PDB file of N, CA and C in Angstrom:
ATOM      1  N   MET A   1      43.832  62.674 -42.076  1.00  0.00           N
ATOM      2  CA  MET A   1      44.490  61.617 -42.412  1.00  0.00           C
ATOM      3  C   MET A   1      45.077  61.556 -41.341  1.00  0.00           C
ATOM      4  N   SER A   2      45.168  60.268 -40.651  1.00  0.00           N
ATOM      5  CA  SER A   2      45.311  59.230 -39.464  1.00  0.00           C
ATOM      6  C   SER A   2      47.300  59.652 -39.658  1.00  0.00           C
ATOM      7  N   ALA A   3      47.805  59.907 -38.321  1.00  0.00           N
ATOM      8  CA  ALA A   3      49.269  59.721 -38.200  1.00  0.00           C
ATOM      9  C   ALA A   3      49.571  57.745 -38.581  1.00  0.00           C
ATOM     10  N   THR A   4      48.593  57.115 -38.343  1.00  0.00           N
ATOM     11  CA  THR A   4      48.858  55.583 -39.116  1.00  0.00           C
ATOM     12  C   THR A   4      49.282  55.713 -40.255  1.00  0.00           C
ATOM     13  N   LEU A   5      48.304  56.391 -41.242  1.00  0.00           N
ATOM     14  CA  LEU A   5      48.390  56.488 -42.668  1.00  0.00           C
ATOM     15  C   LEU A   5      49.494  57.009 -42.813  1.00  0.00           C
ATOM     16  N   ALA A   6      50.228  58.329 -42.174  1.00  0.00           N
ATOM     17  CA  ALA A   6      51.001  59.306 -42.982  1.00  0.00           C
ATOM     18  C   ALA A   6      52.422  58.186 -42.851  1.00  0.00           C
ATOM     19  N   ALA A   7      52.384  57.330 -41.513  1.00  0.00           N
ATOM     20  CA  ALA A   7      53.368  56.691 -41.658  1.00  0.00           C
ATOM     21  C   ALA A   7      54.067  55.304 -42.624  1.00  0.00           C
ATOM     22  N   LEU A   8      52.771  55.429 -43.523  1.00  0.00           N
ATOM     23  CA  LEU A   8      52.511  54.203 -44.421  1.00  0.00           C
ATOM     24  C   LEU A   8      53.121  54.501 -45.988  1.00  0.00           C
ATOM     25  N   SER A   9      53.577  54.431 -46.887  1.00  0.00           N
ATOM     26  CA  SER A   9      53.515  54.366 -48.355  1.00  0.00           C
ATOM     27  C   SER A   9      53.062  54.201 -48.856  1.00  0.00           C
ATOM     28  N   ARG A  10      52.275  54.899 -50.340  1.00  0.00           N
ATOM     29  CA  ARG A  10      51.602  54.241 -51.061  1.00  0.00           C
ATOM     30  C   ARG A  10      51.921  53.784 -51.965  1.00  0.00           C
ATOM     31  N   LEU A  11      51.360  52.873 -52.899  1.00  0.00           N
ATOM     32  CA  LEU A  11      51.494  51.606 -53.330  1.00  0.00           C
ATOM     33  C   LEU A  11      52.049  52.812 -54.958  1.00  0.00           C
ATOM     34  N   GLY A  12      51.270  53.443 -55.406  1.00  0.00           N
ATOM     35  CA  GLY A  12      51.741  54.296 -56.808  1.00  0.00           C
ATOM     36  C   GLY A  12      53.241  55.339 -56.675  1.00  0.00           C
ATOM     37  N   ALA A  13      53.613  55.196 -55.531  1.00  0.00           N
ATOM     38  CA  ALA A  13      54.681  55.568 -55.100  1.00  0.00           C
ATOM     39  C   ALA A  13      56.314  54.763 -55.209  1.00  0.00           C
ATOM     40  N   ALA A  14      56.062  53.222 -54.936  1.00  0.00           N
ATOM     41  CA  ALA A  14      56.860  52.455 -55.321  1.00  0.00           C
ATOM     42  C   ALA A  14      57.530  51.985 -56.561  1.00  0.00           C
ATOM     43  N   ARG A  15      58.577  51.078 -56.354  1.00  0.00           N
ATOM     44  CA  ARG A  15      59.444  51.208 -57.493  1.00  0.00           C
ATOM     45  C   ARG A  15      58.854  49.819 -58.082  1.00  0.00           C
ATOM     46  N   LEU A  16      59.952  49.276 -59.506  1.00  0.00           N
ATOM     47  CA  LEU A  16      59.350  48.103 -59.962  1.00  0.00           C
ATOM     48  C   LEU A  16      59.828  47.402 -58.714  1.00  0.00           C
ATOM     49  N   GLY A  17      59.805  45.858 -58.858  1.00  0.00           N
ATOM     50  CA  GLY A  17      59.874  44.909 -57.892  1.00  0.00           C
ATOM     51  C   GLY A  17      60.025  45.447 -56.564  1.00  0.00           C
ATOM     52  N   PHE A  18      59.020  46.009 -56.152  1.00  0.00           N
ATOM     53  CA  PHE A  18      58.339  46.489 -54.424  1.00  0.00           C
ATOM     54  C   PHE A  18      57.369  45.345 -54.252  1.00  0.00           C
ATOM     55  N   ARG A  19      57.994  44.729 -52.913  1.00  0.00           N
ATOM     56  CA  ARG A  19      57.822  43.867 -52.279  1.00  0.00           C
ATOM     57  C   ARG A  19      56.486  44.347 -51.083  1.00  0.00           C
ATOM     58  N   GLY A  20      54.843  44.198 -50.677  1.00  0.00           N
ATOM     59  CA  GLY A  20      54.400  44.972 -49.167  1.00  0.00           C
ATOM     60  C   GLY A  20      53.199  44.089 -48.860  1.00  0.00           C
ATOM     61  N   ARG A  21      52.770  44.839 -48.037  1.00  0.00           N
ATOM     62  CA  ARG A  21      51.238  44.174 -47.541  1.00  0.00           C
ATOM     63  C   ARG A  21      50.746  45.446 -47.666  1.00  0.00           C
ATOM     64  N   ILE A  22      49.264  45.253 -47.841  1.00  0.00           N
ATOM     65  CA  ILE A  22      48.169  46.556 -47.543  1.00  0.00           C
ATOM     66  C   ILE A  22      47.884  46.610 -46.424  1.00  0.00           C
ATOM     67  N   ARG A  23      47.453  47.775 -45.475  1.00  0.00           N
ATOM     68  CA  ARG A  23      47.248  48.255 -44.910  1.00  0.00           C
ATOM     69  C   ARG A  23      46.345  48.853 -44.603  1.00  0.00           C
ATOM     70  N   ALA A  24      45.717  49.936 -45.449  1.00  0.00           N
ATOM     71  CA  ALA A  24      44.596  50.490 -45.986  1.00  0.00           C
ATOM     72  C   ALA A  24      44.346  51.143 -46.717  1.00  0.00           C
ATOM     73  N   LEU A  25      42.877  51.652 -47.418  1.00  0.00           N
ATOM     74  CA  LEU A  25      42.425  52.372 -48.798  1.00  0.00           C
ATOM     75  C   LEU A  25      42.517  53.280 -48.303  1.00  0.00           C
ATOM     76  N   ASP A  26      42.767  54.436 -48.972  1.00  0.00           N
ATOM     77  CA  ASP A  26      42.326  55.915 -48.942  1.00  0.00           C
ATOM     78  C   ASP A  26      42.415  56.604 -50.036  1.00  0.00           C
ATOM     79  N   ALA A  27      41.074  56.401 -50.931  1.00  0.00           N
ATOM     80  CA  ALA A  27      41.210  57.382 -51.871  1.00  0.00           C
ATOM     81  C   ALA A  27      40.666  58.838 -52.163  1.00  0.00           C
ATOM     82  N   SER A  28      40.812  59.389 -50.546  1.00  0.00           N
ATOM     83  CA  SER A  28      40.203  60.888 -50.768  1.00  0.00           C
ATOM     84  C   SER A  28      40.831  61.709 -51.268  1.00  0.00           C
ATOM     85  N   GLY A  29      42.709  61.366 -52.106  1.00  0.00           N
ATOM     86  CA  GLY A  29      43.465  62.381 -52.558  1.00  0.00           C
ATOM     87  C   GLY A  29      43.755  61.666 -53.328  1.00  0.00           C
ATOM     88  N   CYS A  30      43.076  61.382 -54.435  1.00  0.00           N
ATOM     89  CA  CYS A  30      43.380  60.484 -56.112  1.00  0.00           C
ATOM     90  C   CYS A  30      43.018  61.562 -56.798  1.00  0.00           C
ATOM     91  N   GLY A  31      41.833  62.481 -56.826  1.00  0.00           N
ATOM     92  CA  GLY A  31      41.221  63.328 -57.798  1.00  0.00           C
ATOM     93  C   GLY A  31      40.771  63.007 -59.290  1.00  0.00           C
ATOM     94  N   ARG A  32      40.343  61.632 -59.063  1.00  0.00           N
ATOM     95  CA  ARG A  32      39.768  61.066 -59.983  1.00  0.00           C
ATOM     96  C   ARG A  32      38.611  61.455 -59.988  1.00  0.00           C
ATOM     97  N   ALA A  33      37.789  61.114 -61.272  1.00  0.00           N
ATOM     98  CA  ALA A  33      36.083  61.403 -61.300  1.00  0.00           C
ATOM     99  C   ALA A  33      35.329  60.370 -60.958  1.00  0.00           C
ATOM    100  N   LEU A  34      35.601  59.570 -59.976  1.00  0.00           N
ATOM    101  CA  LEU A  34      34.562  58.865 -59.650  1.00  0.00           C
ATOM    102  C   LEU A  34      34.601  58.859 -57.664  1.00  0.00           C
ATOM    103  N   PRO A  35      33.493  59.208 -56.851  1.00  0.00           N
ATOM    104  CA  PRO A  35      33.680  59.180 -55.644  1.00  0.00           C
ATOM    105  C   PRO A  35      34.555  58.201 -55.053  1.00  0.00           C
ATOM    106  N   PRO A  36      35.945  59.013 -54.018  1.00  0.00           N
ATOM    107  CA  PRO A  36      36.196  58.262 -52.962  1.00  0.00           C
ATOM    108  C   PRO A  36      35.911  56.760 -52.830  1.00  0.00           C
ATOM    109  N   ALA A  37      34.876  56.691 -52.532  1.00  0.00           N
ATOM    110  CA  ALA A  37      34.507  55.472 -52.082  1.00  0.00           C
ATOM    111  C   ALA A  37      34.022  54.802 -53.242  1.00  0.00           C
ATOM    112  N   GLU A  38      33.239  54.955 -54.188  1.00  0.00           N
ATOM    113  CA  GLU A  38      33.106  54.082 -55.239  1.00  0.00           C
ATOM    114  C   GLU A  38      34.898  52.955 -55.687  1.00  0.00           C
ATOM    115  N   LEU A  39      35.726  54.251 -55.865  1.00  0.00           N
ATOM    116  CA  LEU A  39      37.198  53.871 -55.860  1.00  0.00           C
ATOM    117  C   LEU A  39      37.329  52.838 -55.037  1.00  0.00           C
ATOM    118  N   GLU A  40      36.992  53.050 -53.821  1.00  0.00           N
ATOM    119  CA  GLU A  40      37.645  51.808 -52.622  1.00  0.00           C
ATOM    120  C   GLU A  40      36.678  50.484 -53.171  1.00  0.00           C
ATOM    121  N   ARG A  41      35.918  50.607 -53.417  1.00  0.00           N
ATOM    122  CA  ARG A  41      35.328  49.463 -53.193  1.00  0.00           C
ATOM    123  C   ARG A  41      35.157  48.817 -54.710  1.00  0.00           C
ATOM    124  N   ARG A  42      35.696  49.355 -56.108  1.00  0.00           N
ATOM    125  CA  ARG A  42      36.290  48.199 -56.825  1.00  0.00           C
ATOM    126  C   ARG A  42      37.400  48.058 -56.653  1.00  0.00           C
ATOM    127  N   LEU A  43      38.286  48.571 -55.784  1.00  0.00           N
ATOM    128  CA  LEU A  43      39.724  48.258 -55.389  1.00  0.00           C
ATOM    129  C   LEU A  43      39.648  46.739 -54.481  1.00  0.00           C
ATOM    130  N   LEU A  44      38.475  47.157 -53.707  1.00  0.00           N
ATOM    131  CA  LEU A  44      38.227  46.098 -52.879  1.00  0.00           C
ATOM    132  C   LEU A  44      37.873  44.814 -53.719  1.00  0.00           C
ATOM    133  N   GLU A  45      37.035  44.871 -54.798  1.00  0.00           N
ATOM    134  CA  GLU A  45      36.467  43.761 -55.659  1.00  0.00           C
ATOM    135  C   GLU A  45      37.602  43.232 -56.178  1.00  0.00           C
ATOM    136  N   MET A  46      38.877  44.042 -56.457  1.00  0.00           N
ATOM    137  CA  MET A  46      39.769  43.500 -57.317  1.00  0.00           C
ATOM    138  C   MET A  46      40.667  42.777 -56.628  1.00  0.00           C
ATOM    139  N   GLY A  47      40.089  42.429 -55.061  1.00  0.00           N
ATOM    140  CA  GLY A  47      41.319  41.698 -54.371  1.00  0.00           C
ATOM    141  C   GLY A  47      42.161  42.771 -54.203  1.00  0.00           C
ATOM    142  N   PHE A  48      42.603  44.019 -53.803  1.00  0.00           N
ATOM    143  CA  PHE A  48      43.453  44.710 -52.783  1.00  0.00           C
ATOM    144  C   PHE A  48      42.417  45.334 -51.663  1.00  0.00           C
ATOM    145  N   VAL A  49      42.275  44.110 -50.525  1.00  0.00           N
ATOM    146  CA  VAL A  49      42.092  44.121 -48.875  1.00  0.00           C
ATOM    147  C   VAL A  49      43.427  44.131 -48.076  1.00  0.00           C
ATOM    148  N   GLU A  50      42.858  44.655 -47.169  1.00  0.00           N
ATOM    149  CA  GLU A  50      43.557  44.636 -45.648  1.00  0.00           C
ATOM    150  C   GLU A  50      45.126  42.842 -45.791  1.00  0.00           C
ATOM    151  N   GLY A  51      45.596  43.219 -45.606  1.00  0.00           N
ATOM    152  CA  GLY A  51      46.530  41.992 -45.214  1.00  0.00           C
ATOM    153  C   GLY A  51      47.124  41.596 -46.444  1.00  0.00           C
ATOM    154  N   ALA A  52      46.821  41.789 -47.505  1.00  0.00           N
ATOM    155  CA  ALA A  52      47.171  41.147 -49.186  1.00  0.00           C
ATOM    156  C   ALA A  52      48.328  41.400 -49.385  1.00  0.00           C
ATOM    157  N   VAL A  53      49.330  40.498 -49.919  1.00  0.00           N
ATOM    158  CA  VAL A  53      50.462  40.738 -50.471  1.00  0.00           C
ATOM    159  C   VAL A  53      50.644  41.301 -51.789  1.00  0.00           C
ATOM    160  N   VAL A  54      50.925  42.250 -52.144  1.00  0.00           N
ATOM    161  CA  VAL A  54      51.499  43.312 -53.358  1.00  0.00           C
ATOM    162  C   VAL A  54      52.691  43.267 -53.790  1.00  0.00           C
ATOM    163  N   GLU A  55      53.265  43.030 -55.316  1.00  0.00           N
ATOM    164  CA  GLU A  55      54.028  43.223 -55.591  1.00  0.00           C
ATOM    165  C   GLU A  55      53.999  43.918 -57.131  1.00  0.00           C
ATOM    166  N   ILE A  56      54.915  45.209 -57.446  1.00  0.00           N
ATOM    167  CA  ILE A  56      54.711  45.360 -58.663  1.00  0.00           C
ATOM    168  C   ILE A  56      56.068  44.483 -59.701  1.00  0.00           C
ATOM    169  N   ARG A  57      55.190  44.046 -60.045  1.00  0.00           N
ATOM    170  CA  ARG A  57      55.648  43.485 -61.529  1.00  0.00           C
ATOM    171  C   ARG A  57      56.147  43.694 -62.755  1.00  0.00           C
ATOM    172  N   ASN A  58      55.319  45.070 -63.050  1.00  0.00           N
ATOM    173  CA  ASN A  58      55.981  45.578 -64.602  1.00  0.00           C
ATOM    174  C   ASN A  58      55.262  47.154 -64.117  1.00  0.00           C
ATOM    175  N   GLN A  59      56.062  47.754 -65.091  1.00  0.00           N
ATOM    176  CA  GLN A  59      56.108  49.104 -65.037  1.00  0.00           C
ATOM    177  C   GLN A  59      55.583  49.852 -66.430  1.00  0.00           C
ATOM    178  N   GLY A  60      54.649  51.054 -67.294  1.00  0.00           N
ATOM    179  CA  GLY A  60      55.135  51.140 -68.309  1.00  0.00           C
ATOM    180  C   GLY A  60      56.317  51.704 -68.863  1.00  0.00           C
ATOM    181  N   LEU A  61      56.514  52.112 -70.233  1.00  0.00           N
ATOM    182  CA  LEU A  61      57.488  52.311 -70.764  1.00  0.00           C
ATOM    183  C   LEU A  61      57.979  53.836 -69.821  1.00  0.00           C
ATOM    184  N   PHE A  62      56.929  54.682 -70.790  1.00  0.00           N
ATOM    185  CA  PHE A  62      56.828  56.356 -70.448  1.00  0.00           C
ATOM    186  C   PHE A  62      56.330  56.520 -69.527  1.00  0.00           C
ATOM    187  N   GLY A  63      56.408  56.853 -68.634  1.00  0.00           N
ATOM    188  CA  GLY A  63      56.380  57.334 -67.453  1.00  0.00           C
ATOM    189  C   GLY A  63      55.655  56.559 -66.233  1.00  0.00           C
ATOM    190  N   ARG A  64      56.515  55.606 -66.087  1.00  0.00           N
ATOM    191  CA  ARG A  64      56.227  53.982 -65.486  1.00  0.00           C
ATOM    192  C   ARG A  64      54.754  54.081 -65.167  1.00  0.00           C
ATOM    193  N   ASP A  65      53.725  54.347 -66.378  1.00  0.00           N
ATOM    194  CA  ASP A  65      52.507  54.273 -66.204  1.00  0.00           C
ATOM    195  C   ASP A  65      51.777  53.534 -67.140  1.00  0.00           C
ATOM    196  N   PRO A  66      51.199  52.332 -66.904  1.00  0.00           N
ATOM    197  CA  PRO A  66      50.210  51.922 -66.123  1.00  0.00           C
ATOM    198  C   PRO A  66      51.550  50.649 -65.206  1.00  0.00           C
ATOM    199  N   ILE A  67      50.984  50.641 -63.854  1.00  0.00           N
ATOM    200  CA  ILE A  67      51.689  49.272 -63.377  1.00  0.00           C
ATOM    201  C   ILE A  67      51.068  47.645 -63.522  1.00  0.00           C
ATOM    202  N   ALA A  68      51.778  47.049 -63.144  1.00  0.00           N
ATOM    203  CA  ALA A  68      51.320  45.201 -63.339  1.00  0.00           C
ATOM    204  C   ALA A  68      51.729  44.936 -61.669  1.00  0.00           C
ATOM    205  N   VAL A  69      50.449  44.971 -61.050  1.00  0.00           N
ATOM    206  CA  VAL A  69      50.251  44.669 -59.583  1.00  0.00           C
ATOM    207  C   VAL A  69      49.771  42.960 -59.152  1.00  0.00           C
ATOM    208  N   ARG A  70      50.499  42.339 -58.736  1.00  0.00           N
ATOM    209  CA  ARG A  70      50.532  41.219 -58.704  1.00  0.00           C
ATOM    210  C   ARG A  70      49.669  41.196 -57.085  1.00  0.00           C
ATOM    211  N   VAL A  71      48.456  41.322 -56.594  1.00  0.00           N
ATOM    212  CA  VAL A  71      48.217  41.132 -55.518  1.00  0.00           C
ATOM    213  C   VAL A  71      47.405  39.365 -55.167  1.00  0.00           C
ATOM    214  N   ASP A  72      47.783  38.875 -54.499  1.00  0.00           N
ATOM    215  CA  ASP A  72      47.421  37.160 -53.763  1.00  0.00           C
ATOM    216  C   ASP A  72      48.345  36.184 -55.281  1.00  0.00           C
ATOM    217  N   ASP A  73      47.124  36.343 -55.735  1.00  0.00           N
ATOM    218  CA  ASP A  73      47.497  35.071 -57.051  1.00  0.00           C
ATOM    219  C   ASP A  73      46.820  35.450 -58.005  1.00  0.00           C
ATOM    220  N   ALA A  74      46.743  36.962 -58.591  1.00  0.00           N
ATOM    221  CA  ALA A  74      45.787  37.561 -59.743  1.00  0.00           C
ATOM    222  C   ALA A  74      47.029  38.819 -59.931  1.00  0.00           C
ATOM    223  N   THR A  75      47.447  39.190 -61.341  1.00  0.00           N
ATOM    224  CA  THR A  75      47.917  40.258 -61.364  1.00  0.00           C
ATOM    225  C   THR A  75      46.910  41.370 -62.287  1.00  0.00           C
ATOM    226  N   VAL A  76      47.076  42.548 -61.666  1.00  0.00           N
ATOM    227  CA  VAL A  76      45.983  43.765 -61.950  1.00  0.00           C
ATOM    228  C   VAL A  76      46.493  44.802 -62.759  1.00  0.00           C
ATOM    229  N   ALA A  77      46.565  45.448 -63.341  1.00  0.00           N
ATOM    230  CA  ALA A  77      47.022  47.106 -64.032  1.00  0.00           C
ATOM    231  C   ALA A  77      46.662  48.245 -63.563  1.00  0.00           C
ATOM    232  N   LEU A  78      46.884  48.939 -63.316  1.00  0.00           N
ATOM    233  CA  LEU A  78      46.499  49.892 -62.337  1.00  0.00           C
ATOM    234  C   LEU A  78      47.277  51.354 -63.142  1.00  0.00           C
ATOM    235  N   ARG A  79      46.591  52.497 -62.583  1.00  0.00           N
ATOM    236  CA  ARG A  79      47.175  53.999 -63.059  1.00  0.00           C
ATOM    237  C   ARG A  79      47.787  53.891 -61.592  1.00  0.00           C
ATOM    238  N   ARG A  80      49.366  54.715 -61.649  1.00  0.00           N
ATOM    239  CA  ARG A  80      49.696  55.031 -60.427  1.00  0.00           C
ATOM    240  C   ARG A  80      48.486  55.962 -59.391  1.00  0.00           C
ATOM    241  N   ALA A  81      48.296  57.102 -60.311  1.00  0.00           N
ATOM    242  CA  ALA A  81      47.165  57.480 -59.670  1.00  0.00           C
ATOM    243  C   ALA A  81      46.204  56.819 -58.501  1.00  0.00           C
ATOM    244  N   LEU A  82      45.491  55.609 -59.381  1.00  0.00           N
ATOM    245  CA  LEU A  82      44.814  55.249 -58.298  1.00  0.00           C
ATOM    246  C   LEU A  82      45.355  54.091 -57.370  1.00  0.00           C
ATOM    247  N   ALA A  83      46.790  53.557 -57.566  1.00  0.00           N
ATOM    248  CA  ALA A  83      47.653  53.333 -56.976  1.00  0.00           C
ATOM    249  C   ALA A  83      48.303  53.908 -55.502  1.00  0.00           C
ATOM    250  N   ASN A  84      47.837  55.212 -55.918  1.00  0.00           N
ATOM    251  CA  ASN A  84      47.834  55.710 -54.690  1.00  0.00           C
ATOM    252  C   ASN A  84      46.743  55.941 -53.125  1.00  0.00           C
ATOM    253  N   ALA A  85      46.005  55.370 -54.211  1.00  0.00           N
ATOM    254  CA  ALA A  85      44.666  54.894 -52.494  1.00  0.00           C
ATOM    255  C   ALA A  85      45.102  53.840 -51.889  1.00  0.00           C
ATOM    256  N   ILE A  86      45.941  53.352 -52.169  1.00  0.00           N
ATOM    257  CA  ILE A  86      46.104  52.181 -51.340  1.00  0.00           C
ATOM    258  C   ILE A  86      47.403  52.120 -50.463  1.00  0.00           C
ATOM    259  N   HIS A  87      47.322  52.317 -49.132  1.00  0.00           N
ATOM    260  CA  HIS A  87      48.635  52.439 -48.461  1.00  0.00           C
ATOM    261  C   HIS A  87      49.321  50.986 -47.942  1.00  0.00           C
ATOM    262  N   VAL A  88      50.583  50.816 -48.328  1.00  0.00           N
ATOM    263  CA  VAL A  88      51.560  49.587 -48.007  1.00  0.00           C
ATOM    264  C   VAL A  88      52.506  49.565 -47.044  1.00  0.00           C
ATOM    265  N   GLU A  89      52.910  48.569 -46.307  1.00  0.00           N
ATOM    266  CA  GLU A  89      54.033  48.483 -45.404  1.00  0.00           C
ATOM    267  C   GLU A  89      55.055  47.524 -46.171  1.00  0.00           C
ATOM    268  N   ALA A  90      56.254  47.724 -46.520  1.00  0.00           N
ATOM    269  CA  ALA A  90      57.516  47.259 -47.324  1.00  0.00           C
ATOM    270  C   ALA A  90      57.619  45.723 -46.725  1.00  0.00           C
ATOM    271  N   LEU A  91      57.549  44.317 -46.701  1.00  0.00           N
ATOM    272  CA  LEU A  91      57.938  43.050 -46.538  1.00  0.00           C
ATOM    273  C   LEU A  91      59.525  42.811 -46.365  1.00  0.00           C
ATOM    274  N   ASP A  92      59.859  43.449 -47.800  1.00  0.00           N
ATOM    275  CA  ASP A  92      61.360  43.130 -47.815  1.00  0.00           C
ATOM    276  C   ASP A  92      62.477  44.695 -46.933  1.00  0.00           C
ATOM    277  N   PRO A  93      63.524  44.416 -46.826  1.00  0.00           N
ATOM    278  CA  PRO A  93      63.989  45.873 -46.441  1.00  0.00           C
ATOM    279  C   PRO A  93      64.827  46.097 -47.535  1.00  0.00           C
ATOM    280  N   THR A  94      64.523  47.766 -47.443  1.00  0.00           N
ATOM    281  CA  THR A  94      65.457  48.439 -48.494  1.00  0.00           C
ATOM    282  C   THR A  94      66.743  47.931 -49.061  1.00  0.00           C
ATOM    283  N   PRO A  95      67.445  48.037 -49.825  1.00  0.00           N
ATOM    284  CA  PRO A  95      69.333  48.002 -49.570  1.00  0.00           C
ATOM    285  C   PRO A  95      69.677  49.253 -49.965  1.00  0.00           C
TER     286      PRO A  95
END
């Protein structure tokens, strides 16, 4: 992983209400059944493209999973494990 990606946070680790901008996709550490390239392709098709603004709108009651993510003008439900493939930078300063 490059130093640039290490400085960014992962969307899967963000709290409810987080707002940020997508900076990169890297599904190599997600440990899912599909190959990383396929997971990244699917995220791109759902609108998770570099530069898009994302916001965590809702989350499951147990284990905070899945999460409802607003990406530009659409709302998408994702498991936090898959959301870990999305590297973001915060738009709002943390209180």
